[in-house]
Amino acid sequence: EVQLQASGGGLVQAGGSLRLSCAASGFTFDDYAIAWFRQAPGKEREGVSCFNGGDVITYYEDSVKGRFFISRDNAKNTVYLHMYDLKPEDTAVYFCVTDPVVRGYGCYDGGEDSHWGQGTLVTVSS
């Protein structure tokens, strides 16, 4: 059974940093594409960052480029989202997702192929 456990969210002031972690189990982690999505109150879910299996393609949403960085530790079956210079508009629930559709221009829900973690809340105060 695929399981994803996201953690690391919290309350931070604008300009601060957080590192989100997503611990995965139940599948061969390093073969899988992984994504971070977020959903802010009243807004649609959006793909923030993702990479495909083998990390050949890595995508960042325009508003986070240069501030967020995705990485994985295959030995720990964990993917990270390193977030710097956080802004109030980054406030959202962040989800890690397996098997997204990864393109150079975006990350998309893979539908039945994707598994979603429970989400971790990031709140950035101004």
Protein backbone atom coordinates (compact mmCIF):
# COMPACT_ATOMS: atom_id res chain seq x y z
CA GLU A 1 0.00 0.00 0.00
CA VAL A 2 1.37 3.38 -1.01
CA GLN A 3 1.62 5.77 1.93
CA LEU A 4 2.84 9.36 2.00
CA GLN A 5 3.44 11.32 5.20
CA ALA A 6 4.04 15.03 4.76
CA SER A 7 5.47 17.14 7.57
CA GLY A 8 7.37 20.34 8.22
CA GLY A 9 4.65 22.91 7.81
CA GLY A 10 4.05 25.66 10.32
CA LEU A 11 3.78 29.36 10.92
CA VAL A 12 6.62 31.53 9.66
CA GLN A 13 7.14 35.21 9.04
CA ALA A 14 7.55 36.57 5.56
CA GLY A 15 11.14 36.12 4.42
CA GLY A 16 11.55 32.99 6.49
CA SER A 17 12.28 29.41 5.45
CA LEU A 18 10.78 25.98 5.90
CA ARG A 19 11.63 22.51 4.73
CA LEU A 20 8.76 20.18 3.97
CA SER A 21 9.35 16.44 4.05
CA CYS A 22 7.35 13.64 2.53
CA ALA A 23 8.17 10.15 3.75
CA ALA A 24 7.01 7.48 1.33
CA SER A 25 6.46 3.76 1.68
CA GLY A 26 4.91 0.92 -0.24
CA PHE A 27 6.66 1.41 -3.58
CA THR A 28 10.09 1.66 -5.19
CA PHE A 29 10.61 5.30 -4.45
CA ASP A 30 13.47 6.20 -6.77
CA ASP A 31 11.60 5.06 -9.89
CA TYR A 32 8.70 7.40 -9.32
CA ALA A 33 7.84 10.91 -10.34
CA ILE A 34 6.97 13.01 -7.31
CA ALA A 35 5.28 16.38 -7.02
CA TRP A 36 4.40 18.98 -4.45
CA PHE A 37 1.01 20.58 -4.94
CA ARG A 38 -0.56 23.27 -2.83
CA GLN A 39 -4.04 24.60 -2.25
CA ALA A 40 -4.67 27.99 -0.73
CA PRO A 41 -8.04 28.92 0.80
CA GLY A 42 -10.54 29.67 -1.93
CA LYS A 43 -8.14 28.78 -4.70
CA GLU A 44 -7.61 25.86 -6.98
CA ARG A 45 -4.94 23.31 -6.34
CA GLU A 46 -1.70 23.99 -8.22
CA GLY A 47 1.46 22.09 -8.94
CA VAL A 48 4.36 23.83 -7.21
CA SER A 49 7.26 21.60 -8.15
CA CYS A 50 7.86 18.13 -9.46
CA PHE A 51 10.40 15.82 -11.03
CA ASN A 52 10.04 12.63 -12.95
CA GLY A 53 11.67 9.27 -12.25
CA GLY A 54 15.39 9.70 -12.73
CA ASP A 55 14.98 13.45 -12.19
CA VAL A 56 15.44 14.20 -15.88
CA ILE A 57 12.72 16.84 -15.81
CA THR A 58 12.30 19.23 -12.90
CA TYR A 59 9.58 21.87 -12.88
CA TYR A 60 8.95 24.91 -10.69
CA GLU A 61 5.88 27.09 -10.83
CA ASP A 62 6.85 30.62 -11.84
CA SER A 63 6.07 32.26 -8.51
CA VAL A 64 8.43 29.94 -6.61
CA LYS A 65 11.35 29.81 -9.02
CA GLY A 66 14.58 30.68 -7.26
CA ARG A 67 12.94 30.34 -3.83
CA PHE A 68 11.78 26.70 -3.67
CA PHE A 69 13.89 23.64 -4.41
CA ILE A 70 12.76 20.03 -4.63
CA SER A 71 15.04 17.15 -3.74
CA ARG A 72 14.86 13.51 -2.80
CA ASP A 73 16.82 11.12 -0.65
CA ASN A 74 16.22 7.68 -2.12
CA ALA A 75 17.92 5.95 0.80
CA LYS A 76 15.35 7.50 3.12
CA ASN A 77 12.41 7.27 0.69
CA THR A 78 11.84 10.93 1.33
CA VAL A 79 11.25 13.92 -0.91
CA TYR A 80 11.79 17.45 0.32
CA LEU A 81 10.61 20.90 -0.61
CA HIS A 82 13.07 23.53 0.56
CA MET A 83 11.29 26.88 0.76
CA TYR A 84 13.14 30.18 1.17
CA ASP A 85 12.07 33.83 1.22
CA LEU A 86 8.51 32.79 1.96
CA LYS A 87 5.73 35.19 1.11
CA PRO A 88 2.18 35.47 2.47
CA GLU A 89 0.89 34.22 -0.89
CA ASP A 90 2.71 30.93 -0.24
CA THR A 91 0.21 30.21 2.53
CA ALA A 92 -1.50 26.93 1.64
CA VAL A 93 -1.82 23.27 2.45
CA TYR A 94 1.02 21.47 0.70
CA PHE A 95 0.62 17.91 -0.56
CA CYS A 96 3.13 15.43 -1.87
CA VAL A 97 1.89 13.31 -4.74
CA THR A 98 3.24 10.25 -6.51
CA ASP A 99 3.03 9.66 -10.22
CA PRO A 100 2.03 13.13 -11.31
CA VAL A 101 2.17 14.02 -14.98
CA VAL A 102 5.47 15.90 -15.25
CA ARG A 103 6.11 18.28 -18.07
CA GLY A 104 8.62 21.06 -18.52
CA TYR A 105 5.71 23.48 -18.29
CA GLY A 106 3.81 22.05 -15.32
CA CYS A 107 2.87 19.29 -12.92
CA TYR A 108 -0.54 17.68 -13.17
CA ASP A 109 -2.54 15.18 -11.18
CA GLY A 110 -2.04 11.72 -12.62
CA GLY A 111 -5.59 10.72 -11.78
CA GLU A 112 -5.94 7.10 -10.79
CA ASP A 113 -2.18 6.62 -11.01
CA SER A 114 -1.46 9.25 -8.36
CA HIS A 115 -1.47 8.92 -4.60
CA TRP A 116 -1.85 11.96 -2.36
CA GLY A 117 -0.50 12.47 1.12
CA GLN A 118 -2.57 14.15 3.82
CA GLY A 119 -1.03 17.61 3.44
CA THR A 120 0.84 19.95 5.73
CA LEU A 121 -0.21 23.53 6.39
CA VAL A 122 2.17 26.39 5.72
CA THR A 123 1.15 29.80 7.01
CA VAL A 124 3.26 32.85 6.19
CA SER A 125 2.52 36.00 8.13
CA SER A 126 3.28 39.46 6.79
